[in-house]
Amino acid sequence: MSRLPPVLKNLPFPVVGSPLFIISNPKLVIAQCIAGVVGSMPALNARPAEQLEDWLAEITETLAAYNKANPDNPAAPFAINQIVHRSNDRLDHDMALCEKYKVPIIITSLGAREDVNKAVQGWGGIVLHDVINNVFAHKAIDKGADGLICVAAGAGGHASVKSPFAMVQEIREWFDGPLLLAGSIATGRAVLAAQAMGADLAYIGSPFIATDEARAVDDYKKMIVASNSDDIVYSNFYTGVHGNYLKGSIVNAGMDPDNLPESDPSKMNFGGGGEKRAWRDIWGCGQGIGAIREIVPTATLVARLRREYADAKSSLCQ
């Protein structure tokens, strides 16, 4: 068994909702936590920066009130994603607020920072770091991260080309701490499969975009419901880092999804395509969306995942 810190032990359901740039907000995070999965959002979703304190207060106070009223069925904890790349000039401000509110889980992306890890651990939190291969996994743990998130092939947004089987088995050869797996996980059966491979938790993003609480435009949600894995394009054109996007949104932006140029990977521009900007107009999404057939409340989505998970577990044990 993996060594799990207390905040990740005995979760109602072994799932972390991944932080969705622009889309995740307190409404979605709270709904995820109450439904039994770890809810998360990027700190950068709060704009202007001052809004982050209001959001952190809303999340912590709402979940505290829920837990007080439901002592036998507490909510899952929440997480905040911090982009630790040098382009993020808000990092110090946002980290100070996370310390003030004692955010229990920080998800770091685009670089591993020893100072950030120590700061989080100093207030009693843990750090889970996004990685796309075994090399970056070693670097993250060497710099003090508590756990790893394998962002494997097929994951929405910035994703690896590595098979989830390869990533998990290679990391598990040397790391026995918290390990999460992302990449096309959109059913309860896939959550169980992630655990069977050696992950502790599944990391799910795209299905939560097509929920009532998500701060995505209706056309984005409808496109996810109408699409499948053939409608996903892998490109680094929009941000300088390879990621998965909905083909339909690229077409709607007036570009040819089959002939996108390469971008300079050293420039995290979060733009591209003239006036069209990722991720506002170019919509990130993972390959697992063929399982998403309707827009539903977060509680309904999680209930489906939990039911499928239980059914899959039962069928394998027969």
C-alpha atoms as a PDB file:
ATOM      1  CA  MET A   1       0.000   0.000   0.000  1.00  0.00           C
ATOM      2  CA  SER A   2       1.080   3.568  -0.653  1.00  0.00           C
ATOM      3  CA  ARG A   3       1.996   5.929   2.134  1.00  0.00           C
ATOM      4  CA  LEU A   4      -0.896   8.375   2.120  1.00  0.00           C
ATOM      5  CA  PRO A   5      -0.911  11.509   4.292  1.00  0.00           C
ATOM      6  CA  PRO A   6      -3.969  11.956   6.525  1.00  0.00           C
ATOM      7  CA  VAL A   7      -5.648  14.434   4.168  1.00  0.00           C
ATOM      8  CA  LEU A   8      -5.836  11.776   1.438  1.00  0.00           C
ATOM      9  CA  LYS A   9      -6.797   8.853   3.653  1.00  0.00           C
ATOM     10  CA  ASN A  10     -10.383   7.663   3.890  1.00  0.00           C
ATOM     11  CA  LEU A  11     -11.692   9.882   1.103  1.00  0.00           C
ATOM     12  CA  PRO A  12     -15.356   9.203   0.285  1.00  0.00           C
ATOM     13  CA  PHE A  13     -14.304   8.367  -3.289  1.00  0.00           C
ATOM     14  CA  PRO A  14     -10.749   7.988  -4.722  1.00  0.00           C
ATOM     15  CA  VAL A  15     -10.964  10.911  -7.139  1.00  0.00           C
ATOM     16  CA  VAL A  16      -9.462  14.380  -7.370  1.00  0.00           C
ATOM     17  CA  GLY A  17     -11.193  16.836  -9.672  1.00  0.00           C
ATOM     18  CA  SER A  18      -8.434  18.479 -11.655  1.00  0.00           C
ATOM     19  CA  PRO A  19      -8.111  22.282 -11.651  1.00  0.00           C
ATOM     20  CA  LEU A  20      -9.693  23.594 -14.849  1.00  0.00           C
ATOM     21  CA  PHE A  21      -8.240  26.867 -16.097  1.00  0.00           C
ATOM     22  CA  ILE A  22     -10.952  29.559 -16.318  1.00  0.00           C
ATOM     23  CA  ILE A  23     -13.666  26.951 -15.637  1.00  0.00           C
ATOM     24  CA  SER A  24     -13.197  25.889 -11.993  1.00  0.00           C
ATOM     25  CA  ASN A  25     -14.699  28.245  -9.414  1.00  0.00           C
ATOM     26  CA  PRO A  26     -15.898  28.006  -5.806  1.00  0.00           C
ATOM     27  CA  LYS A  27     -19.305  26.732  -6.891  1.00  0.00           C
ATOM     28  CA  LEU A  28     -17.754  23.746  -8.676  1.00  0.00           C
ATOM     29  CA  VAL A  29     -15.122  23.094  -5.992  1.00  0.00           C
ATOM     30  CA  ILE A  30     -17.715  23.064  -3.211  1.00  0.00           C
ATOM     31  CA  ALA A  31     -20.015  20.781  -5.211  1.00  0.00           C
ATOM     32  CA  GLN A  32     -17.141  18.366  -5.860  1.00  0.00           C
ATOM     33  CA  CYS A  33     -16.104  18.227  -2.214  1.00  0.00           C
ATOM     34  CA  ILE A  34     -19.652  17.707  -0.948  1.00  0.00           C
ATOM     35  CA  ALA A  35     -20.142  14.961  -3.552  1.00  0.00           C
ATOM     36  CA  GLY A  36     -17.118  13.155  -2.100  1.00  0.00           C
ATOM     37  CA  VAL A  37     -14.221  14.007  -4.424  1.00  0.00           C
ATOM     38  CA  VAL A  38     -11.373  16.440  -3.858  1.00  0.00           C
ATOM     39  CA  GLY A  39     -12.376  19.683  -5.570  1.00  0.00           C
ATOM     40  CA  SER A  40      -9.758  22.011  -6.964  1.00  0.00           C
ATOM     41  CA  MET A  41      -9.249  25.205  -8.909  1.00  0.00           C
ATOM     42  CA  PRO A  42      -6.304  27.240 -10.235  1.00  0.00           C
ATOM     43  CA  ALA A  43      -5.461  30.279  -8.127  1.00  0.00           C
ATOM     44  CA  LEU A  44      -5.190  32.211 -11.395  1.00  0.00           C
ATOM     45  CA  ASN A  45      -8.910  31.725 -12.051  1.00  0.00           C
ATOM     46  CA  ALA A  46      -9.565  34.451  -9.491  1.00  0.00           C
ATOM     47  CA  ARG A  47      -9.288  37.707 -11.391  1.00  0.00           C
ATOM     48  CA  PRO A  48      -8.411  40.280 -10.234  1.00  0.00           C
ATOM     49  CA  ALA A  49      -5.951  38.752  -7.805  1.00  0.00           C
ATOM     50  CA  GLU A  50      -7.835  40.221  -4.847  1.00  0.00           C
ATOM     51  CA  GLN A  51     -10.770  37.951  -5.645  1.00  0.00           C
ATOM     52  CA  LEU A  52      -8.797  34.904  -4.528  1.00  0.00           C
ATOM     53  CA  GLU A  53      -9.262  35.775  -0.856  1.00  0.00           C
ATOM     54  CA  ASP A  54     -13.029  36.018  -1.304  1.00  0.00           C
ATOM     55  CA  TRP A  55     -13.054  32.638  -3.038  1.00  0.00           C
ATOM     56  CA  LEU A  56     -10.894  30.935  -0.419  1.00  0.00           C
ATOM     57  CA  ALA A  57     -13.100  32.326   2.342  1.00  0.00           C
ATOM     58  CA  GLU A  58     -16.223  31.094   0.543  1.00  0.00           C
ATOM     59  CA  ILE A  59     -14.851  27.589   0.067  1.00  0.00           C
ATOM     60  CA  THR A  60     -13.460  27.144   3.581  1.00  0.00           C
ATOM     61  CA  GLU A  61     -16.507  28.614   5.328  1.00  0.00           C
ATOM     62  CA  THR A  62     -19.036  26.686   3.239  1.00  0.00           C
ATOM     63  CA  LEU A  63     -17.257  23.366   3.695  1.00  0.00           C
ATOM     64  CA  ALA A  64     -16.796  23.994   7.426  1.00  0.00           C
ATOM     65  CA  ALA A  65     -20.521  24.674   7.784  1.00  0.00           C
ATOM     66  CA  TYR A  66     -21.352  21.552   5.779  1.00  0.00           C
ATOM     67  CA  ASN A  67     -19.062  19.387   7.890  1.00  0.00           C
ATOM     68  CA  LYS A  68     -20.546  20.751  11.103  1.00  0.00           C
ATOM     69  CA  ALA A  69     -24.034  19.881   9.876  1.00  0.00           C
ATOM     70  CA  ASN A  70     -22.942  16.486   8.525  1.00  0.00           C
ATOM     71  CA  PRO A  71     -20.401  15.047  10.981  1.00  0.00           C
ATOM     72  CA  ASP A  72     -21.037  11.486   9.770  1.00  0.00           C
ATOM     73  CA  ASN A  73     -20.629  12.409   6.087  1.00  0.00           C
ATOM     74  CA  PRO A  74     -17.965  15.117   5.834  1.00  0.00           C
ATOM     75  CA  ALA A  75     -16.927  16.704   2.570  1.00  0.00           C
ATOM     76  CA  ALA A  76     -13.660  15.841   0.878  1.00  0.00           C
ATOM     77  CA  PRO A  77     -10.840  18.403   1.230  1.00  0.00           C
ATOM     78  CA  PHE A  78     -10.084  20.939  -1.489  1.00  0.00           C
ATOM     79  CA  ALA A  79      -6.971  21.884  -3.430  1.00  0.00           C
ATOM     80  CA  ILE A  80      -5.577  24.975  -5.104  1.00  0.00           C
ATOM     81  CA  ASN A  81      -3.404  24.776  -8.204  1.00  0.00           C
ATOM     82  CA  GLN A  82      -0.367  27.030  -8.411  1.00  0.00           C
ATOM     83  CA  ILE A  83       1.504  27.586 -11.671  1.00  0.00           C
ATOM     84  CA  VAL A  84       5.088  27.846 -10.454  1.00  0.00           C
ATOM     85  CA  HIS A  85       6.536  28.758 -13.864  1.00  0.00           C
ATOM     86  CA  ARG A  86       8.478  32.031 -13.887  1.00  0.00           C
ATOM     87  CA  SER A  87       5.746  33.648 -16.009  1.00  0.00           C
ATOM     88  CA  ASN A  88       3.357  33.641 -13.025  1.00  0.00           C
ATOM     89  CA  ASP A  89       3.928  37.004 -11.342  1.00  0.00           C
ATOM     90  CA  ARG A  90       1.119  36.342  -8.862  1.00  0.00           C
ATOM     91  CA  LEU A  91       2.683  33.354  -7.173  1.00  0.00           C
ATOM     92  CA  ASP A  92       3.892  35.088  -3.999  1.00  0.00           C
ATOM     93  CA  HIS A  93       0.565  36.874  -3.526  1.00  0.00           C
ATOM     94  CA  ASP A  94      -1.482  33.745  -4.100  1.00  0.00           C
ATOM     95  CA  MET A  95       0.712  31.564  -1.896  1.00  0.00           C
ATOM     96  CA  ALA A  96       0.368  34.038   0.972  1.00  0.00           C
ATOM     97  CA  LEU A  97      -3.405  33.725   0.786  1.00  0.00           C
ATOM     98  CA  CYS A  98      -3.205  29.938   0.635  1.00  0.00           C
ATOM     99  CA  GLU A  99      -1.118  30.043   3.805  1.00  0.00           C
ATOM    100  CA  LYS A 100      -3.629  32.372   5.476  1.00  0.00           C
ATOM    101  CA  TYR A 101      -6.465  29.935   4.774  1.00  0.00           C
ATOM    102  CA  LYS A 102      -4.331  26.840   5.410  1.00  0.00           C
ATOM    103  CA  VAL A 103      -5.236  25.258   2.078  1.00  0.00           C
ATOM    104  CA  PRO A 104      -4.818  21.510   2.713  1.00  0.00           C
ATOM    105  CA  ILE A 105      -3.607  20.514  -0.761  1.00  0.00           C
ATOM    106  CA  ILE A 106      -1.562  22.507  -3.261  1.00  0.00           C
ATOM    107  CA  ILE A 107      -1.219  21.193  -6.813  1.00  0.00           C
ATOM    108  CA  THR A 108       1.880  22.583  -8.527  1.00  0.00           C
ATOM    109  CA  SER A 109       2.367  22.706 -12.285  1.00  0.00           C
ATOM    110  CA  LEU A 110       4.990  23.731 -14.841  1.00  0.00           C
ATOM    111  CA  GLY A 111       8.057  23.436 -12.679  1.00  0.00           C
ATOM    112  CA  ALA A 112       8.990  22.112  -9.250  1.00  0.00           C
ATOM    113  CA  ARG A 113       9.979  24.568  -6.527  1.00  0.00           C
ATOM    114  CA  GLU A 114      11.613  23.552  -3.269  1.00  0.00           C
ATOM    115  CA  ASP A 115      10.662  26.849  -1.612  1.00  0.00           C
ATOM    116  CA  VAL A 116       6.997  26.406  -2.533  1.00  0.00           C
ATOM    117  CA  ASN A 117       6.968  22.845  -1.208  1.00  0.00           C
ATOM    118  CA  LYS A 118       8.516  23.871   2.112  1.00  0.00           C
ATOM    119  CA  ALA A 119       6.068  26.739   2.498  1.00  0.00           C
ATOM    120  CA  VAL A 120       3.054  24.468   2.017  1.00  0.00           C
ATOM    121  CA  GLN A 121       4.402  21.831   4.371  1.00  0.00           C
ATOM    122  CA  GLY A 122       5.126  24.583   6.878  1.00  0.00           C
ATOM    123  CA  TRP A 123       1.426  25.352   7.301  1.00  0.00           C
ATOM    124  CA  GLY A 124       0.510  21.648   7.383  1.00  0.00           C
ATOM    125  CA  GLY A 125      -0.499  21.185   3.756  1.00  0.00           C
ATOM    126  CA  ILE A 126       0.771  18.759   1.137  1.00  0.00           C
ATOM    127  CA  VAL A 127       2.006  19.285  -2.405  1.00  0.00           C
ATOM    128  CA  LEU A 128       0.998  17.162  -5.375  1.00  0.00           C
ATOM    129  CA  HIS A 129       3.001  17.891  -8.521  1.00  0.00           C
ATOM    130  CA  ASP A 130       1.968  17.409 -12.161  1.00  0.00           C
ATOM    131  CA  VAL A 131       4.459  15.339 -14.178  1.00  0.00           C
ATOM    132  CA  ILE A 132       4.506  14.036 -17.749  1.00  0.00           C
ATOM    133  CA  ASN A 133       7.336  11.521 -17.423  1.00  0.00           C
ATOM    134  CA  ASN A 134       9.576   9.684 -14.980  1.00  0.00           C
ATOM    135  CA  VAL A 135      12.404  12.235 -15.262  1.00  0.00           C
ATOM    136  CA  PHE A 136      10.195  15.086 -14.049  1.00  0.00           C
ATOM    137  CA  ALA A 137       8.757  12.812 -11.379  1.00  0.00           C
ATOM    138  CA  HIS A 138      12.247  12.306  -9.886  1.00  0.00           C
ATOM    139  CA  LYS A 139      12.900  16.053  -9.980  1.00  0.00           C
ATOM    140  CA  ALA A 140       9.645  16.834  -8.190  1.00  0.00           C
ATOM    141  CA  ILE A 141      10.284  14.386  -5.358  1.00  0.00           C
ATOM    142  CA  ASP A 142      13.922  15.479  -5.087  1.00  0.00           C
ATOM    143  CA  LYS A 143      12.635  19.015  -4.519  1.00  0.00           C
ATOM    144  CA  GLY A 144      10.282  17.909  -1.775  1.00  0.00           C
ATOM    145  CA  ALA A 145       6.868  17.305  -3.338  1.00  0.00           C
ATOM    146  CA  ASP A 146       4.698  14.955  -1.276  1.00  0.00           C
ATOM    147  CA  GLY A 147       3.004  13.238  -4.188  1.00  0.00           C
ATOM    148  CA  LEU A 148       2.821  12.999  -7.963  1.00  0.00           C
ATOM    149  CA  ILE A 149       0.130  13.380 -10.584  1.00  0.00           C
ATOM    150  CA  CYS A 150       0.872  11.357 -13.722  1.00  0.00           C
ATOM    151  CA  VAL A 151      -0.654  13.385 -16.545  1.00  0.00           C
ATOM    152  CA  ALA A 152      -0.606  10.618 -19.113  1.00  0.00           C
ATOM    153  CA  ALA A 153      -1.548  10.490 -22.781  1.00  0.00           C
ATOM    154  CA  GLY A 154      -5.137  11.477 -23.443  1.00  0.00           C
ATOM    155  CA  ALA A 155      -5.463  13.892 -20.540  1.00  0.00           C
ATOM    156  CA  GLY A 156      -7.071  17.261 -21.135  1.00  0.00           C
ATOM    157  CA  GLY A 157      -4.930  20.352 -21.316  1.00  0.00           C
ATOM    158  CA  HIS A 158      -1.147  19.982 -21.033  1.00  0.00           C
ATOM    159  CA  ALA A 159      -0.638  16.235 -21.321  1.00  0.00           C
ATOM    160  CA  SER A 160       2.069  13.666 -21.909  1.00  0.00           C
ATOM    161  CA  VAL A 161       2.458  11.261 -24.809  1.00  0.00           C
ATOM    162  CA  LYS A 162       3.312   8.507 -22.320  1.00  0.00           C
ATOM    163  CA  SER A 163       1.035   5.524 -21.777  1.00  0.00           C
ATOM    164  CA  PRO A 164      -0.484   5.497 -18.278  1.00  0.00           C
ATOM    165  CA  PHE A 165       0.745   1.909 -17.899  1.00  0.00           C
ATOM    166  CA  ALA A 166       4.327   2.979 -18.567  1.00  0.00           C
ATOM    167  CA  MET A 167       4.209   6.050 -16.339  1.00  0.00           C
ATOM    168  CA  VAL A 168       2.706   4.343 -13.324  1.00  0.00           C
ATOM    169  CA  GLN A 169       4.870   1.245 -13.455  1.00  0.00           C
ATOM    170  CA  GLU A 170       8.094   3.239 -13.837  1.00  0.00           C
ATOM    171  CA  ILE A 171       7.285   5.621 -11.001  1.00  0.00           C
ATOM    172  CA  ARG A 172       6.089   2.836  -8.716  1.00  0.00           C
ATOM    173  CA  GLU A 173       9.478   1.146  -9.060  1.00  0.00           C
ATOM    174  CA  TRP A 174      10.966   3.819  -6.791  1.00  0.00           C
ATOM    175  CA  PHE A 175       8.132   5.878  -5.272  1.00  0.00           C
ATOM    176  CA  ASP A 176       5.650   4.573  -2.711  1.00  0.00           C
ATOM    177  CA  GLY A 177       3.966   7.865  -1.864  1.00  0.00           C
ATOM    178  CA  PRO A 178       0.721   9.408  -3.129  1.00  0.00           C
ATOM    179  CA  LEU A 179       0.289   8.797  -6.840  1.00  0.00           C
ATOM    180  CA  LEU A 180      -2.573  10.127  -8.959  1.00  0.00           C
ATOM    181  CA  LEU A 181      -3.319   9.251 -12.579  1.00  0.00           C
ATOM    182  CA  ALA A 182      -4.870  11.469 -15.246  1.00  0.00           C
ATOM    183  CA  GLY A 183      -5.697  10.609 -18.825  1.00  0.00           C
ATOM    184  CA  SER A 184      -9.094   9.735 -20.339  1.00  0.00           C
ATOM    185  CA  ILE A 185     -10.656   8.777 -17.001  1.00  0.00           C
ATOM    186  CA  ALA A 186     -14.385   9.426 -17.363  1.00  0.00           C
ATOM    187  CA  THR A 187     -16.044   6.332 -15.889  1.00  0.00           C
ATOM    188  CA  GLY A 188     -16.051   4.547 -12.555  1.00  0.00           C
ATOM    189  CA  ARG A 189     -14.528   1.522 -14.247  1.00  0.00           C
ATOM    190  CA  ALA A 190     -11.588   3.698 -15.346  1.00  0.00           C
ATOM    191  CA  VAL A 191     -11.135   4.909 -11.754  1.00  0.00           C
ATOM    192  CA  LEU A 192     -10.831   1.298 -10.627  1.00  0.00           C
ATOM    193  CA  ALA A 193      -8.429   0.566 -13.490  1.00  0.00           C
ATOM    194  CA  ALA A 194      -6.186   3.423 -12.350  1.00  0.00           C
ATOM    195  CA  GLN A 195      -5.991   1.844  -8.911  1.00  0.00           C
ATOM    196  CA  ALA A 196      -5.344  -1.591 -10.396  1.00  0.00           C
ATOM    197  CA  MET A 197      -2.336  -0.146 -12.213  1.00  0.00           C
ATOM    198  CA  GLY A 198      -0.908   1.199  -8.969  1.00  0.00           C
ATOM    199  CA  ALA A 199      -2.304   4.706  -8.631  1.00  0.00           C
ATOM    200  CA  ASP A 200      -3.991   5.724  -5.387  1.00  0.00           C
ATOM    201  CA  LEU A 201      -6.428   8.179  -6.899  1.00  0.00           C
ATOM    202  CA  ALA A 202      -7.856   9.105 -10.274  1.00  0.00           C
ATOM    203  CA  TYR A 203      -7.481  12.679 -11.490  1.00  0.00           C
ATOM    204  CA  ILE A 204     -10.510  13.718 -13.548  1.00  0.00           C
ATOM    205  CA  GLY A 205     -11.037  16.950 -15.448  1.00  0.00           C
ATOM    206  CA  SER A 206     -13.032  16.963 -18.679  1.00  0.00           C
ATOM    207  CA  PRO A 207     -16.220  15.332 -17.328  1.00  0.00           C
ATOM    208  CA  PHE A 208     -16.532  18.157 -14.801  1.00  0.00           C
ATOM    209  CA  ILE A 209     -16.561  20.754 -17.592  1.00  0.00           C
ATOM    210  CA  ALA A 210     -19.944  19.400 -18.678  1.00  0.00           C
ATOM    211  CA  THR A 211     -21.574  20.050 -15.298  1.00  0.00           C
ATOM    212  CA  ASP A 212     -24.037  22.711 -14.242  1.00  0.00           C
ATOM    213  CA  GLU A 213     -21.595  24.276 -11.783  1.00  0.00           C
ATOM    214  CA  ALA A 214     -18.652  24.607 -14.180  1.00  0.00           C
ATOM    215  CA  ARG A 215     -17.888  28.114 -15.400  1.00  0.00           C
ATOM    216  CA  ALA A 216     -17.744  27.125 -19.067  1.00  0.00           C
ATOM    217  CA  VAL A 217     -19.872  28.585 -21.837  1.00  0.00           C
ATOM    218  CA  ASP A 218     -22.799  26.436 -22.937  1.00  0.00           C
ATOM    219  CA  ASP A 219     -21.298  25.769 -26.370  1.00  0.00           C
ATOM    220  CA  TYR A 220     -18.181  24.330 -24.727  1.00  0.00           C
ATOM    221  CA  LYS A 221     -20.275  21.952 -22.620  1.00  0.00           C
ATOM    222  CA  LYS A 222     -22.428  20.963 -25.592  1.00  0.00           C
ATOM    223  CA  MET A 223     -19.359  20.286 -27.751  1.00  0.00           C
ATOM    224  CA  ILE A 224     -17.961  17.937 -25.110  1.00  0.00           C
ATOM    225  CA  VAL A 225     -21.228  15.986 -25.017  1.00  0.00           C
ATOM    226  CA  ALA A 226     -21.287  15.768 -28.829  1.00  0.00           C
ATOM    227  CA  SER A 227     -17.618  14.773 -29.231  1.00  0.00           C
ATOM    228  CA  ASN A 228     -15.380  11.746 -28.728  1.00  0.00           C
ATOM    229  CA  SER A 229     -11.683  10.932 -28.816  1.00  0.00           C
ATOM    230  CA  ASP A 230     -11.503  11.469 -32.598  1.00  0.00           C
ATOM    231  CA  ASP A 231     -12.343  15.113 -31.963  1.00  0.00           C
ATOM    232  CA  ILE A 232      -9.239  15.828 -29.845  1.00  0.00           C
ATOM    233  CA  VAL A 233      -6.164  17.576 -31.279  1.00  0.00           C
ATOM    234  CA  TYR A 234      -2.727  17.474 -29.618  1.00  0.00           C
ATOM    235  CA  SER A 235      -0.711  20.641 -30.278  1.00  0.00           C
ATOM    236  CA  ASN A 236       1.730  23.088 -28.681  1.00  0.00           C
ATOM    237  CA  PHE A 237       0.640  26.001 -30.897  1.00  0.00           C
ATOM    238  CA  TYR A 238      -1.490  27.791 -28.336  1.00  0.00           C
ATOM    239  CA  THR A 239       0.685  27.922 -25.232  1.00  0.00           C
ATOM    240  CA  GLY A 240       4.098  26.588 -26.210  1.00  0.00           C
ATOM    241  CA  VAL A 241       3.413  23.347 -24.315  1.00  0.00           C
ATOM    242  CA  HIS A 242       1.691  20.389 -25.940  1.00  0.00           C
ATOM    243  CA  GLY A 243      -1.903  19.906 -24.906  1.00  0.00           C
ATOM    244  CA  ASN A 244      -5.190  18.358 -25.994  1.00  0.00           C
ATOM    245  CA  TYR A 245      -7.954  20.531 -27.424  1.00  0.00           C
ATOM    246  CA  LEU A 246     -11.402  20.154 -28.944  1.00  0.00           C
ATOM    247  CA  LYS A 247     -11.142  20.135 -32.733  1.00  0.00           C
ATOM    248  CA  GLY A 248     -14.453  21.940 -33.081  1.00  0.00           C
ATOM    249  CA  SER A 249     -13.212  24.954 -31.132  1.00  0.00           C
ATOM    250  CA  ILE A 250     -10.164  25.215 -33.389  1.00  0.00           C
ATOM    251  CA  VAL A 251     -12.379  25.134 -36.469  1.00  0.00           C
ATOM    252  CA  ASN A 252     -14.676  27.755 -34.947  1.00  0.00           C
ATOM    253  CA  ALA A 253     -11.631  29.979 -34.410  1.00  0.00           C
ATOM    254  CA  GLY A 254     -10.939  29.882 -38.156  1.00  0.00           C
ATOM    255  CA  MET A 255      -7.938  27.535 -38.057  1.00  0.00           C
ATOM    256  CA  ASP A 256      -7.200  24.178 -39.628  1.00  0.00           C
ATOM    257  CA  PRO A 257      -6.803  21.615 -36.815  1.00  0.00           C
ATOM    258  CA  ASP A 258      -4.857  19.299 -39.119  1.00  0.00           C
ATOM    259  CA  ASN A 259      -2.252  21.925 -40.034  1.00  0.00           C
ATOM    260  CA  LEU A 260      -1.356  23.836 -36.891  1.00  0.00           C
ATOM    261  CA  PRO A 261       2.201  25.211 -36.791  1.00  0.00           C
ATOM    262  CA  GLU A 262       4.632  24.418 -34.017  1.00  0.00           C
ATOM    263  CA  SER A 263       5.118  27.018 -31.297  1.00  0.00           C
ATOM    264  CA  ASP A 264       8.256  28.019 -29.427  1.00  0.00           C
ATOM    265  CA  PRO A 265       8.203  25.810 -26.303  1.00  0.00           C
ATOM    266  CA  SER A 266      10.295  28.332 -24.371  1.00  0.00           C
ATOM    267  CA  LYS A 267       7.508  30.908 -24.513  1.00  0.00           C
ATOM    268  CA  MET A 268       4.528  30.321 -22.278  1.00  0.00           C
ATOM    269  CA  ASN A 269       2.392  32.763 -24.211  1.00  0.00           C
ATOM    270  CA  PHE A 270      -1.108  31.473 -23.452  1.00  0.00           C
ATOM    271  CA  GLY A 271      -2.147  33.016 -26.742  1.00  0.00           C
ATOM    272  CA  GLY A 272      -1.828  32.180 -30.402  1.00  0.00           C
ATOM    273  CA  GLY A 273      -4.245  32.279 -33.283  1.00  0.00           C
ATOM    274  CA  GLY A 274      -4.411  36.066 -33.596  1.00  0.00           C
ATOM    275  CA  GLU A 275      -7.247  37.366 -31.468  1.00  0.00           C
ATOM    276  CA  LYS A 276      -8.218  33.873 -30.360  1.00  0.00           C
ATOM    277  CA  ARG A 277      -6.706  32.997 -27.025  1.00  0.00           C
ATOM    278  CA  ALA A 278      -6.237  29.653 -25.336  1.00  0.00           C
ATOM    279  CA  TRP A 279      -8.069  28.694 -23.180  1.00  0.00           C
ATOM    280  CA  ARG A 280     -10.931  31.119 -23.705  1.00  0.00           C
ATOM    281  CA  ASP A 281     -11.617  30.316 -27.372  1.00  0.00           C
ATOM    282  CA  ILE A 282      -9.565  27.150 -27.847  1.00  0.00           C
ATOM    283  CA  TRP A 283     -11.066  24.601 -25.498  1.00  0.00           C
ATOM    284  CA  GLY A 284      -8.946  22.048 -23.680  1.00  0.00           C
ATOM    285  CA  CYS A 285     -10.349  18.551 -23.335  1.00  0.00           C
ATOM    286  CA  GLY A 286      -9.240  14.951 -22.814  1.00  0.00           C
ATOM    287  CA  GLN A 287      -9.807  11.866 -24.907  1.00  0.00           C
ATOM    288  CA  GLY A 288     -12.219  10.219 -22.461  1.00  0.00           C
ATOM    289  CA  ILE A 289     -15.192  12.381 -23.415  1.00  0.00           C
ATOM    290  CA  GLY A 290     -16.963   9.642 -25.369  1.00  0.00           C
ATOM    291  CA  ALA A 291     -18.432   8.606 -22.014  1.00  0.00           C
ATOM    292  CA  ILE A 292     -19.978  12.045 -21.428  1.00  0.00           C
ATOM    293  CA  ARG A 293     -23.466  12.102 -22.875  1.00  0.00           C
ATOM    294  CA  GLU A 294     -25.233  14.905 -21.038  1.00  0.00           C
ATOM    295  CA  ILE A 295     -24.716  18.047 -18.994  1.00  0.00           C
ATOM    296  CA  VAL A 296     -25.561  17.255 -15.379  1.00  0.00           C
ATOM    297  CA  PRO A 297     -25.068  18.574 -11.843  1.00  0.00           C
ATOM    298  CA  THR A 298     -21.726  17.654 -10.284  1.00  0.00           C
ATOM    299  CA  ALA A 299     -23.486  15.487  -7.705  1.00  0.00           C
ATOM    300  CA  THR A 300     -25.118  13.465 -10.502  1.00  0.00           C
ATOM    301  CA  LEU A 301     -21.797  12.950 -12.292  1.00  0.00           C
ATOM    302  CA  VAL A 302     -20.042  11.782  -9.123  1.00  0.00           C
ATOM    303  CA  ALA A 303     -22.953   9.503  -8.243  1.00  0.00           C
ATOM    304  CA  ARG A 304     -22.618   7.864 -11.680  1.00  0.00           C
ATOM    305  CA  LEU A 305     -18.876   7.409 -11.232  1.00  0.00           C
ATOM    306  CA  ARG A 306     -19.356   5.881  -7.780  1.00  0.00           C
ATOM    307  CA  ARG A 307     -22.050   3.525  -9.044  1.00  0.00           C
ATOM    308  CA  GLU A 308     -19.914   2.400 -11.998  1.00  0.00           C
ATOM    309  CA  TYR A 309     -16.918   1.947  -9.708  1.00  0.00           C
ATOM    310  CA  ALA A 310     -18.884  -0.281  -7.335  1.00  0.00           C
ATOM    311  CA  ASP A 311     -20.354  -2.294 -10.211  1.00  0.00           C
ATOM    312  CA  ALA A 312     -16.929  -2.801 -11.796  1.00  0.00           C
ATOM    313  CA  LYS A 313     -15.420  -3.881  -8.487  1.00  0.00           C
ATOM    314  CA  SER A 314     -18.252  -6.304  -7.898  1.00  0.00           C
ATOM    315  CA  SER A 315     -18.030  -7.829 -11.366  1.00  0.00           C
ATOM    316  CA  LEU A 316     -14.293  -8.431 -11.052  1.00  0.00           C
ATOM    317  CA  CYS A 317     -14.733 -10.167  -7.711  1.00  0.00           C
ATOM    318  CA  GLN A 318     -17.316 -12.673  -8.946  1.00  0.00           C
END
